[in-house]
C-alpha atoms as a PDB file:
ATOM      1  CA  MET A   1       0.000   0.000   0.000  1.00  0.00           C
ATOM      2  CA  LYS A   2       1.311   3.433  -0.886  1.00  0.00           C
ATOM      3  CA  LEU A   3       2.062   5.740   2.017  1.00  0.00           C
ATOM      4  CA  GLU A   4      -0.252   8.412   0.610  1.00  0.00           C
ATOM      5  CA  ASP A   5      -3.176   5.986   0.722  1.00  0.00           C
ATOM      6  CA  ALA A   6      -2.287   4.616   4.156  1.00  0.00           C
ATOM      7  CA  ILE A   7      -2.141   7.975   5.906  1.00  0.00           C
ATOM      8  CA  LYS A   8      -4.477   9.878   3.556  1.00  0.00           C
ATOM      9  CA  GLN A   9      -1.911  12.534   2.672  1.00  0.00           C
ATOM     10  CA  LYS A  10      -1.358  13.523  -0.941  1.00  0.00           C
ATOM     11  CA  GLU A  11       1.661  15.808  -0.713  1.00  0.00           C
ATOM     12  CA  PHE A  12       4.843  15.999   1.311  1.00  0.00           C
ATOM     13  CA  ARG A  13       7.236  18.891   1.806  1.00  0.00           C
ATOM     14  CA  SER A  14       9.962  16.932  -0.015  1.00  0.00           C
ATOM     15  CA  ASP A  15      10.970  13.404  -0.946  1.00  0.00           C
ATOM     16  CA  ALA A  16      13.202  13.372   2.142  1.00  0.00           C
ATOM     17  CA  HIS A  17      10.214  14.323   4.334  1.00  0.00           C
ATOM     18  CA  LYS A  18       8.152  11.570   2.706  1.00  0.00           C
ATOM     19  CA  GLY A  19      11.030   9.142   3.318  1.00  0.00           C
ATOM     20  CA  ILE A  20      11.073   9.954   7.027  1.00  0.00           C
ATOM     21  CA  VAL A  21       7.305   9.603   7.356  1.00  0.00           C
ATOM     22  CA  ASN A  22       7.423   6.373   5.338  1.00  0.00           C
ATOM     23  CA  LEU A  23      10.211   4.968   7.521  1.00  0.00           C
ATOM     24  CA  LEU A  24       8.323   5.862  10.715  1.00  0.00           C
ATOM     25  CA  TYR A  25       5.057   4.421   9.411  1.00  0.00           C
ATOM     26  CA  THR A  26       6.740   1.202   8.265  1.00  0.00           C
ATOM     27  CA  SER A  27       8.666   0.883  11.518  1.00  0.00           C
ATOM     28  CA  SER A  28       5.436   1.197  13.486  1.00  0.00           C
ATOM     29  CA  TYR A  29       3.813  -1.421  11.245  1.00  0.00           C
ATOM     30  CA  VAL A  30       6.633  -3.939  11.835  1.00  0.00           C
ATOM     31  CA  LEU A  31       6.779  -3.215  15.579  1.00  0.00           C
ATOM     32  CA  ASN A  32       3.037  -3.857  15.855  1.00  0.00           C
ATOM     33  CA  LEU A  33       3.434  -7.213  14.092  1.00  0.00           C
ATOM     34  CA  ILE A  34       6.211  -8.238  16.489  1.00  0.00           C
ATOM     35  CA  ASN A  35       4.231  -6.950  19.492  1.00  0.00           C
ATOM     36  CA  GLU A  36       1.304  -9.173  18.474  1.00  0.00           C
ATOM     37  CA  VAL A  37       3.597 -12.213  18.416  1.00  0.00           C
ATOM     38  CA  THR A  38       5.336 -11.523  21.718  1.00  0.00           C
ATOM     39  CA  GLN A  39       2.057 -10.749  23.503  1.00  0.00           C
ATOM     40  CA  GLU A  40       0.877 -14.260  22.669  1.00  0.00           C
ATOM     41  CA  TYR A  41       3.778 -15.534  24.798  1.00  0.00           C
ATOM     42  CA  ASN A  42       3.215 -13.078  27.662  1.00  0.00           C
ATOM     43  CA  ILE A  43       6.380 -11.059  27.090  1.00  0.00           C
ATOM     44  CA  THR A  44       7.090  -7.669  25.562  1.00  0.00           C
ATOM     45  CA  ARG A  45       9.070  -6.973  22.420  1.00  0.00           C
ATOM     46  CA  GLN A  46      11.851  -5.536  24.589  1.00  0.00           C
ATOM     47  CA  GLN A  47      11.915  -8.635  26.817  1.00  0.00           C
ATOM     48  CA  TYR A  48      12.149 -10.765  23.673  1.00  0.00           C
ATOM     49  CA  ASN A  49      15.136  -8.655  22.607  1.00  0.00           C
ATOM     50  CA  VAL A  50      16.855  -9.252  25.980  1.00  0.00           C
ATOM     51  CA  LEU A  51      16.257 -12.998  25.704  1.00  0.00           C
ATOM     52  CA  ARG A  52      17.773 -13.028  22.209  1.00  0.00           C
ATOM     53  CA  ILE A  53      20.823 -11.126  23.448  1.00  0.00           C
ATOM     54  CA  LEU A  54      21.253 -13.619  26.282  1.00  0.00           C
ATOM     55  CA  ARG A  55      20.824 -16.574  23.924  1.00  0.00           C
ATOM     56  CA  GLY A  56      23.691 -15.104  21.907  1.00  0.00           C
ATOM     57  CA  GLN A  57      25.845 -15.101  25.038  1.00  0.00           C
ATOM     58  CA  HIS A  58      24.749 -18.592  26.108  1.00  0.00           C
ATOM     59  CA  PRO A  59      26.185 -20.506  27.927  1.00  0.00           C
ATOM     60  CA  GLY A  60      27.990 -17.403  29.143  1.00  0.00           C
ATOM     61  CA  SER A  61      26.462 -14.427  30.886  1.00  0.00           C
ATOM     62  CA  ALA A  62      25.951 -10.766  30.122  1.00  0.00           C
ATOM     63  CA  SER A  63      26.079  -7.658  32.260  1.00  0.00           C
ATOM     64  CA  ILE A  64      23.228  -5.182  32.349  1.00  0.00           C
ATOM     65  CA  ASN A  65      25.501  -2.738  30.499  1.00  0.00           C
ATOM     66  CA  LEU A  66      26.163  -5.233  27.707  1.00  0.00           C
ATOM     67  CA  ILE A  67      22.422  -5.851  27.377  1.00  0.00           C
ATOM     68  CA  LYS A  68      21.787  -2.098  27.284  1.00  0.00           C
ATOM     69  CA  GLU A  69      24.417  -1.623  24.541  1.00  0.00           C
ATOM     70  CA  ARG A  70      22.886  -4.326  22.357  1.00  0.00           C
ATOM     71  CA  MET A  71      19.224  -3.424  22.821  1.00  0.00           C
ATOM     72  CA  ILE A  72      17.404  -2.345  19.679  1.00  0.00           C
ATOM     73  CA  ASP A  73      15.188   0.007  21.706  1.00  0.00           C
ATOM     74  CA  LYS A  74      17.796   2.175  23.437  1.00  0.00           C
ATOM     75  CA  MET A  75      15.134   3.852  25.579  1.00  0.00           C
ATOM     76  CA  SER A  76      14.288   0.623  27.394  1.00  0.00           C
ATOM     77  CA  ASP A  77      15.066   0.297  31.096  1.00  0.00           C
ATOM     78  CA  SER A  78      17.286  -2.781  30.934  1.00  0.00           C
ATOM     79  CA  SER A  79      17.338  -3.340  34.699  1.00  0.00           C
ATOM     80  CA  ARG A  80      13.550  -3.379  34.874  1.00  0.00           C
ATOM     81  CA  LEU A  81      13.325  -5.725  31.878  1.00  0.00           C
ATOM     82  CA  VAL A  82      15.808  -8.090  33.502  1.00  0.00           C
ATOM     83  CA  ASP A  83      13.865  -8.036  36.769  1.00  0.00           C
ATOM     84  CA  ARG A  84      10.633  -8.957  34.987  1.00  0.00           C
ATOM     85  CA  LEU A  85      12.309 -11.797  33.087  1.00  0.00           C
ATOM     86  CA  PHE A  86      13.810 -13.015  36.364  1.00  0.00           C
ATOM     87  CA  GLN A  87      10.338 -13.084  37.959  1.00  0.00           C
ATOM     88  CA  LYS A  88       9.157 -15.229  35.042  1.00  0.00           C
ATOM     89  CA  LYS A  89      12.150 -17.562  35.594  1.00  0.00           C
ATOM     90  CA  LEU A  90      13.358 -16.950  32.036  1.00  0.00           C
ATOM     91  CA  ILE A  91      16.748 -15.700  33.225  1.00  0.00           C
ATOM     92  CA  ARG A  92      19.120 -16.107  36.176  1.00  0.00           C
ATOM     93  CA  LYS A  93      20.905 -13.261  37.964  1.00  0.00           C
ATOM     94  CA  SER A  94      24.066 -13.571  40.023  1.00  0.00           C
ATOM     95  CA  SER A  95      26.641 -11.228  41.488  1.00  0.00           C
ATOM     96  CA  CYS A  96      29.555 -10.550  39.202  1.00  0.00           C
ATOM     97  CA  GLU A  97      32.795 -12.032  40.570  1.00  0.00           C
ATOM     98  CA  ASN A  98      34.886  -9.065  39.368  1.00  0.00           C
ATOM     99  CA  ASP A  99      32.519  -6.288  40.461  1.00  0.00           C
ATOM    100  CA  LYS A 100      30.134  -7.010  43.331  1.00  0.00           C
ATOM    101  CA  ARG A 101      27.957  -4.034  42.314  1.00  0.00           C
ATOM    102  CA  ALA A 102      27.348  -5.572  38.886  1.00  0.00           C
ATOM    103  CA  VAL A 103      25.005  -8.429  37.993  1.00  0.00           C
ATOM    104  CA  ASP A 104      25.683 -11.298  35.606  1.00  0.00           C
ATOM    105  CA  VAL A 105      22.592 -12.389  33.685  1.00  0.00           C
ATOM    106  CA  THR A 106      22.144 -15.765  31.979  1.00  0.00           C
ATOM    107  CA  ILE A 107      19.222 -17.262  30.117  1.00  0.00           C
ATOM    108  CA  THR A 108      17.565 -20.306  31.681  1.00  0.00           C
ATOM    109  CA  ASP A 109      16.421 -23.461  29.905  1.00  0.00           C
ATOM    110  CA  LYS A 110      12.878 -22.117  30.243  1.00  0.00           C
ATOM    111  CA  GLY A 111      13.989 -18.934  28.468  1.00  0.00           C
ATOM    112  CA  LEU A 112      15.629 -20.920  25.668  1.00  0.00           C
ATOM    113  CA  GLU A 113      12.492 -23.054  25.291  1.00  0.00           C
ATOM    114  CA  LEU A 114      10.344 -19.928  25.045  1.00  0.00           C
ATOM    115  CA  LEU A 115      12.567 -18.535  22.276  1.00  0.00           C
ATOM    116  CA  ASP A 116      12.280 -21.840  20.408  1.00  0.00           C
ATOM    117  CA  LYS A 117       8.475 -21.598  20.625  1.00  0.00           C
ATOM    118  CA  ILE A 118       8.389 -17.958  19.497  1.00  0.00           C
ATOM    119  CA  GLU A 119      10.799 -18.258  16.563  1.00  0.00           C
ATOM    120  CA  PRO A 120       8.337 -19.692  13.993  1.00  0.00           C
ATOM    121  CA  SER A 121       5.884 -16.863  14.675  1.00  0.00           C
ATOM    122  CA  ILE A 122       8.616 -14.249  14.498  1.00  0.00           C
ATOM    123  CA  ALA A 123       9.870 -15.825  11.265  1.00  0.00           C
ATOM    124  CA  SER A 124       6.375 -15.453   9.816  1.00  0.00           C
ATOM    125  CA  VAL A 125       6.730 -11.685  10.249  1.00  0.00           C
ATOM    126  CA  GLU A 126       9.452 -11.899   7.593  1.00  0.00           C
ATOM    127  CA  SER A 127       6.654 -12.588   5.101  1.00  0.00           C
ATOM    128  CA  ILE A 128       6.351  -8.793   4.794  1.00  0.00           C
ATOM    129  CA  PHE A 129       9.350  -9.127   2.463  1.00  0.00           C
ATOM    130  CA  ALA A 130       7.614 -11.665   0.214  1.00  0.00           C
ATOM    131  CA  SER A 131       7.023  -9.090  -2.529  1.00  0.00           C
ATOM    132  CA  LEU A 132      10.723  -8.147  -2.611  1.00  0.00           C
ATOM    133  CA  SER A 133      13.487  -9.978  -4.446  1.00  0.00           C
ATOM    134  CA  ALA A 134      16.636 -11.053  -2.622  1.00  0.00           C
ATOM    135  CA  SER A 135      18.557  -8.203  -4.259  1.00  0.00           C
ATOM    136  CA  GLU A 136      15.884  -5.674  -3.187  1.00  0.00           C
ATOM    137  CA  ILE A 137      16.100  -6.912   0.415  1.00  0.00           C
ATOM    138  CA  LYS A 138      19.885  -6.612   0.292  1.00  0.00           C
ATOM    139  CA  LEU A 139      19.571  -3.073  -1.135  1.00  0.00           C
ATOM    140  CA  LEU A 140      17.046  -2.143   1.558  1.00  0.00           C
ATOM    141  CA  ASN A 141      19.491  -3.277   4.249  1.00  0.00           C
ATOM    142  CA  GLU A 142      22.330  -1.325   2.607  1.00  0.00           C
ATOM    143  CA  ILE A 143      20.187   1.823   2.415  1.00  0.00           C
ATOM    144  CA  LEU A 144      19.082   1.547   6.052  1.00  0.00           C
ATOM    145  CA  ASP A 145      22.703   1.024   7.147  1.00  0.00           C
ATOM    146  CA  LYS A 146      23.731   4.065   5.092  1.00  0.00           C
ATOM    147  CA  ILE A 147      21.031   6.231   6.704  1.00  0.00           C
ATOM    148  CA  ARG A 148      22.409   5.387  10.170  1.00  0.00           C
ATOM    149  CA  SER A 149      26.057   5.961   9.259  1.00  0.00           C
END
């Protein structure tokens, strides 16, 4: 669907302005799809992101700072997210041996099992790219990387 039809706006100040609005609209669309999936499993999109980060560190641990650095949503309160995942027994927390003020966080078997259950649903979100060729997807990724650089 064209952006103009989706938001009922015919003109934009410039192509760059339209690009920003289009990027924001598309980002919101994708986030809503992922939110729908994660809600089915009683976690938030941000908690899912933390679990994925911890799975990447598995069997090792991660500090809260490492989690914060790797989060997609930089505005998230990593400590609060970790506490909620701990309450759900999806992660383990322990005092860091090198710095007693810091906390080492590891994913539990229950957390790994949850990620395994979620993955097919998350993978189905990738169907939004079905109308794009492999080279178009690669170009999209290159353009998005270029915007952020």
